[in-house]
Amino acid sequence: MEEKPKNILMQYAGFAAQLAGVLLVAVFAGQWLDKQTGIAFPILIWLLPLIVLIALLIKVVRDTSSKK
């Protein structure tokens, strides 16, 4: 029983690192794509991180659901 809390803690710590890394990449990719396309309003710098957040929230729900 002692292993389970540490395992859950490491799982969420890994998810937090993954979230930070992927969001950072999405923001920089959106910024770069906005510069490449020359769009007046920076839409991709908002859209790419939003898509990443939605995908990661779906992953969390699937990982934490009781059905497997």
C-alpha atoms as a PDB file:
ATOM      1  CA  MET A   1       0.000   0.000   0.000  1.00  0.00           C
ATOM      2  CA  GLU A   2       2.931   2.387   0.515  1.00  0.00           C
ATOM      3  CA  GLU A   3       3.893   2.220  -3.169  1.00  0.00           C
ATOM      4  CA  LYS A   4       0.580   3.521  -4.496  1.00  0.00           C
ATOM      5  CA  PRO A   5       0.765   7.176  -3.275  1.00  0.00           C
ATOM      6  CA  LYS A   6       4.324   7.513  -4.590  1.00  0.00           C
ATOM      7  CA  ASN A   7       3.268   6.026  -7.914  1.00  0.00           C
ATOM      8  CA  ILE A   8       0.338   8.432  -8.209  1.00  0.00           C
ATOM      9  CA  LEU A   9       2.561  11.358  -7.241  1.00  0.00           C
ATOM     10  CA  MET A  10       5.099  10.436  -9.889  1.00  0.00           C
ATOM     11  CA  GLN A  11       2.320   9.995 -12.451  1.00  0.00           C
ATOM     12  CA  TYR A  12       0.996  13.501 -11.817  1.00  0.00           C
ATOM     13  CA  ALA A  13       4.489  14.991 -11.676  1.00  0.00           C
ATOM     14  CA  GLY A  14       5.201  13.441 -15.061  1.00  0.00           C
ATOM     15  CA  PHE A  15       1.951  14.825 -16.411  1.00  0.00           C
ATOM     16  CA  ALA A  16       2.791  18.307 -15.121  1.00  0.00           C
ATOM     17  CA  ALA A  17       6.196  18.208 -16.815  1.00  0.00           C
ATOM     18  CA  GLN A  18       4.598  16.939 -20.006  1.00  0.00           C
ATOM     19  CA  LEU A  19       1.977  19.692 -19.862  1.00  0.00           C
ATOM     20  CA  ALA A  20       4.566  22.428 -19.375  1.00  0.00           C
ATOM     21  CA  GLY A  21       6.821  21.137 -22.121  1.00  0.00           C
ATOM     22  CA  VAL A  22       4.104  20.594 -24.704  1.00  0.00           C
ATOM     23  CA  LEU A  23       2.474  23.965 -23.997  1.00  0.00           C
ATOM     24  CA  LEU A  24       5.819  25.701 -24.349  1.00  0.00           C
ATOM     25  CA  VAL A  25       6.420  24.013 -27.700  1.00  0.00           C
ATOM     26  CA  ALA A  26       2.857  24.826 -28.848  1.00  0.00           C
ATOM     27  CA  VAL A  27       3.243  28.521 -27.988  1.00  0.00           C
ATOM     28  CA  PHE A  28       6.554  28.842 -29.804  1.00  0.00           C
ATOM     29  CA  ALA A  29       5.265  26.845 -32.782  1.00  0.00           C
ATOM     30  CA  GLY A  30       2.177  29.066 -32.937  1.00  0.00           C
ATOM     31  CA  GLN A  31       4.299  32.186 -32.761  1.00  0.00           C
ATOM     32  CA  TRP A  32       6.586  30.917 -35.524  1.00  0.00           C
ATOM     33  CA  LEU A  33       3.656  29.887 -37.734  1.00  0.00           C
ATOM     34  CA  ASP A  34       1.987  33.270 -37.238  1.00  0.00           C
ATOM     35  CA  LYS A  35       5.155  34.997 -38.414  1.00  0.00           C
ATOM     36  CA  GLN A  36       5.457  32.672 -41.410  1.00  0.00           C
ATOM     37  CA  THR A  37       1.861  33.158 -42.554  1.00  0.00           C
ATOM     38  CA  GLY A  38       1.829  36.923 -42.006  1.00  0.00           C
ATOM     39  CA  ILE A  39      -1.690  36.957 -40.551  1.00  0.00           C
ATOM     40  CA  ALA A  40      -2.455  40.313 -38.891  1.00  0.00           C
ATOM     41  CA  PHE A  41      -4.081  38.721 -35.815  1.00  0.00           C
ATOM     42  CA  PRO A  42      -1.943  36.087 -34.056  1.00  0.00           C
ATOM     43  CA  ILE A  43      -4.526  33.278 -34.122  1.00  0.00           C
ATOM     44  CA  LEU A  44      -2.187  30.276 -34.078  1.00  0.00           C
ATOM     45  CA  ILE A  45      -0.419  31.348 -30.906  1.00  0.00           C
ATOM     46  CA  TRP A  46      -3.830  30.989 -29.216  1.00  0.00           C
ATOM     47  CA  LEU A  47      -5.177  28.033 -31.160  1.00  0.00           C
ATOM     48  CA  LEU A  48      -2.296  25.557 -30.863  1.00  0.00           C
ATOM     49  CA  PRO A  49      -2.023  25.667 -27.037  1.00  0.00           C
ATOM     50  CA  LEU A  50      -5.815  25.403 -26.785  1.00  0.00           C
ATOM     51  CA  ILE A  51      -5.785  22.250 -28.907  1.00  0.00           C
ATOM     52  CA  VAL A  52      -2.960  20.850 -26.772  1.00  0.00           C
ATOM     53  CA  LEU A  53      -4.880  21.564 -23.558  1.00  0.00           C
ATOM     54  CA  ILE A  54      -7.998  19.852 -24.879  1.00  0.00           C
ATOM     55  CA  ALA A  55      -5.990  16.809 -25.970  1.00  0.00           C
ATOM     56  CA  LEU A  56      -4.199  16.554 -22.628  1.00  0.00           C
ATOM     57  CA  LEU A  57      -7.460  16.908 -20.679  1.00  0.00           C
ATOM     58  CA  ILE A  58      -8.935  14.063 -22.720  1.00  0.00           C
ATOM     59  CA  LYS A  59      -5.822  12.023 -21.891  1.00  0.00           C
ATOM     60  CA  VAL A  60      -6.226  12.738 -18.168  1.00  0.00           C
ATOM     61  CA  VAL A  61      -9.878  11.699 -18.217  1.00  0.00           C
ATOM     62  CA  ARG A  62      -9.037   8.464 -20.015  1.00  0.00           C
ATOM     63  CA  ASP A  63      -6.112   7.702 -17.691  1.00  0.00           C
ATOM     64  CA  THR A  64      -8.073   8.364 -14.513  1.00  0.00           C
ATOM     65  CA  SER A  65     -11.346   6.734 -15.466  1.00  0.00           C
ATOM     66  CA  SER A  66     -12.247   3.626 -13.522  1.00  0.00           C
ATOM     67  CA  LYS A  67     -13.099   1.598 -16.635  1.00  0.00           C
ATOM     68  CA  LYS A  68     -10.176  -0.046 -18.409  1.00  0.00           C
END
